[in-house]
């Protein structure tokens, strides 16, 4: 969801016909190689997004995410935006501010 807030296009969003098996396979590939398949445009240089992704990816089913760490990463990311002069990012920033 964060990737979509940052205008990153998720590869499976463009599939014609929305074949469930194709979508599942693309999501698997993205999890195996996120550097090349997920973070291709606006998020390619956002270390905080990668930190959040890898901290969640290493969790087991019963594990709880470290919400404090995620919050800190989002706050760091937010600090990179000029919120006073931010029209195109205002939806993202509003959602992040609400979240954190």
N, C-alpha and C. Protein backbone atom coordinates (compact mmCIF):
# COMPACT_ATOMS: atom_id res chain seq x y z
N UNK A 1 0.82 -1.18 0.00
CA UNK A 1 0.00 0.00 0.00
C UNK A 1 0.87 1.26 0.00
N UNK A 2 1.94 1.24 0.76
CA UNK A 2 2.83 2.40 0.80
C UNK A 2 3.39 2.69 -0.58
N UNK A 3 3.72 1.65 -1.33
CA UNK A 3 4.25 1.86 -2.67
C UNK A 3 3.24 2.60 -3.55
N UNK A 4 1.99 2.26 -3.43
CA UNK A 4 0.97 2.95 -4.21
C UNK A 4 0.81 4.40 -3.78
N UNK A 5 0.95 4.68 -2.50
CA UNK A 5 0.91 6.06 -2.02
C UNK A 5 2.02 6.89 -2.67
N UNK A 6 3.13 6.23 -2.96
CA UNK A 6 4.29 6.91 -3.54
C UNK A 6 4.30 6.84 -5.06
N UNK A 7 3.17 6.54 -5.65
CA UNK A 7 3.01 6.48 -7.11
C UNK A 7 3.85 5.40 -7.78
N UNK A 8 4.21 4.38 -7.04
CA UNK A 8 4.92 3.24 -7.63
C UNK A 8 3.86 2.31 -8.22
N UNK A 9 4.08 1.85 -9.41
CA UNK A 9 3.13 0.96 -10.06
C UNK A 9 3.45 -0.48 -9.69
N UNK A 10 2.48 -1.16 -9.12
CA UNK A 10 2.66 -2.56 -8.77
C UNK A 10 2.50 -3.40 -10.04
N UNK A 11 3.46 -4.29 -10.32
CA UNK A 11 3.46 -5.02 -11.59
C UNK A 11 2.18 -5.78 -11.90
N UNK A 12 1.52 -6.30 -10.92
CA UNK A 12 0.32 -7.11 -11.18
C UNK A 12 -0.92 -6.24 -11.45
N UNK A 13 -0.84 -4.96 -11.26
CA UNK A 13 -1.97 -4.07 -11.53
C UNK A 13 -2.27 -3.95 -13.03
N UNK A 14 -1.27 -4.21 -13.85
CA UNK A 14 -1.42 -4.05 -15.30
C UNK A 14 -1.83 -5.32 -16.03
N UNK A 15 -2.04 -6.40 -15.32
CA UNK A 15 -2.41 -7.65 -15.97
C UNK A 15 -3.80 -7.55 -16.58
N UNK A 16 -3.90 -7.97 -17.79
CA UNK A 16 -5.21 -8.00 -18.45
C UNK A 16 -5.93 -9.29 -18.04
N UNK A 17 -7.18 -9.18 -17.76
CA UNK A 17 -7.96 -10.34 -17.38
C UNK A 17 -7.83 -10.71 -15.91
N UNK A 18 -6.86 -10.17 -15.23
CA UNK A 18 -6.66 -10.40 -13.79
C UNK A 18 -6.67 -11.88 -13.43
N UNK A 19 -5.96 -12.70 -14.19
CA UNK A 19 -5.85 -14.12 -13.91
C UNK A 19 -5.17 -14.30 -12.55
N UNK A 20 -5.86 -14.93 -11.62
CA UNK A 20 -5.37 -15.05 -10.25
C UNK A 20 -4.02 -15.77 -10.17
N UNK A 21 -3.83 -16.81 -10.97
CA UNK A 21 -2.56 -17.54 -10.94
C UNK A 21 -1.41 -16.66 -11.40
N UNK A 22 -1.64 -15.84 -12.42
CA UNK A 22 -0.60 -14.92 -12.90
C UNK A 22 -0.26 -13.87 -11.86
N UNK A 23 -1.28 -13.38 -11.18
CA UNK A 23 -1.06 -12.37 -10.15
C UNK A 23 -0.27 -12.96 -8.99
N UNK A 24 -0.63 -14.15 -8.56
CA UNK A 24 0.09 -14.81 -7.46
C UNK A 24 1.55 -15.03 -7.85
N UNK A 25 1.80 -15.48 -9.06
CA UNK A 25 3.16 -15.71 -9.52
C UNK A 25 3.96 -14.41 -9.57
N UNK A 26 3.35 -13.34 -10.04
CA UNK A 26 4.05 -12.06 -10.10
C UNK A 26 4.37 -11.55 -8.70
N UNK A 27 3.46 -11.72 -7.77
CA UNK A 27 3.71 -11.31 -6.39
C UNK A 27 4.87 -12.11 -5.78
N UNK A 28 4.94 -13.40 -6.08
CA UNK A 28 6.06 -14.23 -5.61
C UNK A 28 7.38 -13.71 -6.17
N UNK A 29 7.38 -13.41 -7.45
CA UNK A 29 8.60 -12.89 -8.08
C UNK A 29 9.01 -11.56 -7.45
N UNK A 30 8.04 -10.71 -7.17
CA UNK A 30 8.34 -9.42 -6.55
C UNK A 30 8.94 -9.59 -5.16
N UNK A 31 8.46 -10.56 -4.42
CA UNK A 31 9.02 -10.82 -3.09
C UNK A 31 10.44 -11.36 -3.18
N UNK A 32 10.74 -12.11 -4.23
CA UNK A 32 12.08 -12.66 -4.41
C UNK A 32 13.08 -11.61 -4.90
N UNK A 33 12.61 -10.64 -5.67
CA UNK A 33 13.51 -9.64 -6.25
C UNK A 33 12.87 -8.24 -6.22
N UNK A 34 12.63 -7.72 -5.02
CA UNK A 34 11.96 -6.43 -4.93
C UNK A 34 12.79 -5.27 -5.48
N UNK A 35 14.10 -5.38 -5.40
CA UNK A 35 14.96 -4.29 -5.88
C UNK A 35 14.70 -3.99 -7.36
N UNK A 36 14.42 -5.02 -8.15
CA UNK A 36 14.21 -4.82 -9.58
C UNK A 36 12.74 -4.79 -10.00
N UNK A 37 11.88 -5.41 -9.21
CA UNK A 37 10.49 -5.53 -9.63
C UNK A 37 9.52 -4.60 -8.91
N UNK A 38 9.87 -4.16 -7.70
CA UNK A 38 8.96 -3.29 -6.96
C UNK A 38 9.42 -1.84 -6.92
N UNK A 39 10.69 -1.63 -6.65
CA UNK A 39 11.19 -0.27 -6.45
C UNK A 39 11.87 0.22 -7.71
N UNK A 40 11.06 0.61 -8.68
CA UNK A 40 11.59 0.95 -9.99
C UNK A 40 11.61 2.44 -10.29
N UNK A 41 10.78 3.20 -9.63
CA UNK A 41 10.73 4.63 -9.96
C UNK A 41 10.94 5.47 -8.70
N UNK A 42 9.86 6.01 -8.17
CA UNK A 42 9.98 6.95 -7.05
C UNK A 42 10.58 6.34 -5.79
N UNK A 43 10.40 5.07 -5.58
CA UNK A 43 10.88 4.44 -4.34
C UNK A 43 12.28 3.83 -4.45
N UNK A 44 12.88 3.88 -5.61
CA UNK A 44 14.18 3.23 -5.81
C UNK A 44 15.26 3.74 -4.85
N UNK A 45 15.18 5.00 -4.48
CA UNK A 45 16.19 5.59 -3.60
C UNK A 45 15.70 5.80 -2.17
N UNK A 46 14.53 5.29 -1.85
CA UNK A 46 13.97 5.49 -0.51
C UNK A 46 14.33 4.32 0.40
N UNK A 47 15.41 4.50 1.13
CA UNK A 47 15.92 3.46 2.01
C UNK A 47 14.88 3.04 3.05
N UNK A 48 14.08 3.97 3.52
CA UNK A 48 13.09 3.66 4.55
C UNK A 48 12.07 2.63 4.05
N UNK A 49 11.67 2.73 2.79
CA UNK A 49 10.71 1.78 2.23
C UNK A 49 11.32 0.38 2.23
N UNK A 50 12.57 0.30 1.84
CA UNK A 50 13.27 -0.99 1.82
C UNK A 50 13.42 -1.54 3.23
N UNK A 51 13.75 -0.68 4.17
CA UNK A 51 13.90 -1.12 5.57
C UNK A 51 12.59 -1.71 6.10
N UNK A 52 11.48 -1.04 5.82
CA UNK A 52 10.18 -1.53 6.26
C UNK A 52 9.88 -2.88 5.61
N UNK A 53 10.09 -2.96 4.31
CA UNK A 53 9.82 -4.19 3.56
C UNK A 53 10.60 -5.36 4.15
N UNK A 54 11.91 -5.20 4.33
CA UNK A 54 12.73 -6.31 4.82
C UNK A 54 12.45 -6.65 6.27
N UNK A 55 12.06 -5.66 7.08
CA UNK A 55 11.73 -5.98 8.47
C UNK A 55 10.45 -6.80 8.55
N UNK A 56 9.50 -6.53 7.66
CA UNK A 56 8.26 -7.30 7.62
C UNK A 56 8.48 -8.66 6.97
N UNK A 57 9.28 -8.69 5.94
CA UNK A 57 9.50 -9.94 5.20
C UNK A 57 10.13 -11.04 6.08
N UNK A 58 10.97 -10.65 7.03
CA UNK A 58 11.64 -11.65 7.86
C UNK A 58 10.75 -12.22 8.97
N UNK A 59 9.55 -11.64 9.15
CA UNK A 59 8.66 -12.11 10.20
C UNK A 59 8.06 -13.47 9.88
N UNK A 60 7.84 -14.24 10.90
CA UNK A 60 7.09 -15.47 10.80
C UNK A 60 5.62 -15.13 11.03
N UNK A 61 4.74 -16.06 10.72
CA UNK A 61 3.30 -15.80 10.79
C UNK A 61 2.87 -15.28 12.17
N UNK A 62 3.37 -15.88 13.23
CA UNK A 62 2.93 -15.52 14.58
C UNK A 62 3.64 -14.27 15.12
N UNK A 63 4.66 -13.79 14.44
CA UNK A 63 5.41 -12.62 14.90
C UNK A 63 4.60 -11.34 14.74
N UNK A 64 4.87 -10.39 15.63
CA UNK A 64 4.25 -9.07 15.51
C UNK A 64 5.27 -8.11 14.91
N UNK A 65 4.84 -7.28 13.99
CA UNK A 65 5.75 -6.29 13.43
C UNK A 65 6.20 -5.29 14.50
N UNK A 66 7.37 -4.74 14.33
CA UNK A 66 7.87 -3.70 15.22
C UNK A 66 7.28 -2.37 14.74
N UNK A 67 6.12 -2.03 15.25
CA UNK A 67 5.41 -0.85 14.79
C UNK A 67 6.18 0.43 15.11
N UNK A 68 6.93 0.43 16.18
CA UNK A 68 7.76 1.59 16.51
C UNK A 68 8.81 1.84 15.43
N UNK A 69 9.43 0.75 14.98
CA UNK A 69 10.43 0.86 13.91
C UNK A 69 9.79 1.34 12.61
N UNK A 70 8.65 0.78 12.28
CA UNK A 70 7.95 1.18 11.05
C UNK A 70 7.56 2.66 11.15
N UNK A 71 7.04 3.06 12.29
CA UNK A 71 6.66 4.47 12.49
C UNK A 71 7.88 5.38 12.31
N UNK A 72 9.01 5.00 12.89
CA UNK A 72 10.23 5.80 12.77
C UNK A 72 10.67 5.92 11.32
N UNK A 73 10.61 4.81 10.59
CA UNK A 73 10.99 4.84 9.17
C UNK A 73 10.06 5.76 8.38
N UNK A 74 8.76 5.70 8.65
CA UNK A 74 7.81 6.56 7.96
C UNK A 74 8.02 8.04 8.31
N UNK A 75 8.35 8.29 9.57
CA UNK A 75 8.63 9.67 9.97
C UNK A 75 9.88 10.20 9.26
N UNK A 76 10.90 9.37 9.16
CA UNK A 76 12.11 9.77 8.43
C UNK A 76 11.79 10.05 6.97
N UNK A 77 10.98 9.19 6.37
CA UNK A 77 10.58 9.38 4.98
C UNK A 77 9.79 10.68 4.83
N UNK A 78 8.86 10.90 5.72
CA UNK A 78 8.05 12.10 5.68
C UNK A 78 8.90 13.36 5.81
N UNK A 79 9.95 13.31 6.61
CA UNK A 79 10.80 14.48 6.80
C UNK A 79 11.51 14.90 5.51
N UNK A 80 11.57 14.02 4.51
CA UNK A 80 12.21 14.34 3.24
C UNK A 80 11.30 15.17 2.33
N UNK A 81 10.01 15.24 2.66
CA UNK A 81 9.06 15.98 1.85
C UNK A 81 8.87 17.37 2.42
N UNK A 82 8.76 18.34 1.55
CA UNK A 82 8.45 19.70 1.97
C UNK A 82 6.94 19.82 2.06
N UNK A 83 6.42 19.64 3.26
CA UNK A 83 4.96 19.60 3.42
C UNK A 83 4.31 20.96 3.18
N UNK A 84 5.06 22.05 3.27
CA UNK A 84 4.49 23.37 3.03
C UNK A 84 4.23 23.62 1.55
N UNK A 85 5.03 22.99 0.70
CA UNK A 85 4.91 23.21 -0.75
C UNK A 85 4.78 21.87 -1.45
N UNK A 86 3.76 21.13 -1.09
CA UNK A 86 3.65 19.75 -1.55
C UNK A 86 2.24 19.46 -2.04
N UNK A 87 1.97 19.77 -3.28
CA UNK A 87 0.63 19.55 -3.82
C UNK A 87 0.44 18.12 -4.30
N UNK A 88 1.38 17.62 -5.10
CA UNK A 88 1.21 16.28 -5.67
C UNK A 88 1.36 15.19 -4.62
N UNK A 89 2.08 15.46 -3.56
CA UNK A 89 2.30 14.46 -2.53
C UNK A 89 1.35 14.62 -1.35
N UNK A 90 0.41 15.55 -1.44
CA UNK A 90 -0.42 15.87 -0.28
C UNK A 90 -1.27 14.69 0.18
N UNK A 91 -1.76 13.88 -0.74
CA UNK A 91 -2.57 12.72 -0.35
C UNK A 91 -1.70 11.75 0.43
N UNK A 92 -0.50 11.45 -0.10
CA UNK A 92 0.41 10.55 0.60
C UNK A 92 0.76 11.09 1.98
N UNK A 93 1.14 12.35 2.04
CA UNK A 93 1.56 12.94 3.30
C UNK A 93 0.40 12.93 4.31
N UNK A 94 -0.79 13.25 3.85
CA UNK A 94 -1.94 13.22 4.74
C UNK A 94 -2.17 11.82 5.30
N UNK A 95 -2.02 10.82 4.47
CA UNK A 95 -2.21 9.44 4.92
C UNK A 95 -1.12 9.03 5.89
N UNK A 96 0.11 9.41 5.62
CA UNK A 96 1.21 9.07 6.53
C UNK A 96 1.03 9.77 7.86
N UNK A 97 0.68 11.05 7.83
CA UNK A 97 0.48 11.78 9.09
C UNK A 97 -0.63 11.12 9.91
N UNK A 98 -1.69 10.70 9.26
CA UNK A 98 -2.78 10.01 9.96
C UNK A 98 -2.29 8.70 10.55
N UNK A 99 -1.45 7.98 9.80
CA UNK A 99 -0.96 6.68 10.23
C UNK A 99 -0.02 6.80 11.42
N UNK A 100 0.92 7.73 11.37
CA UNK A 100 1.92 7.82 12.41
C UNK A 100 1.43 8.70 13.53
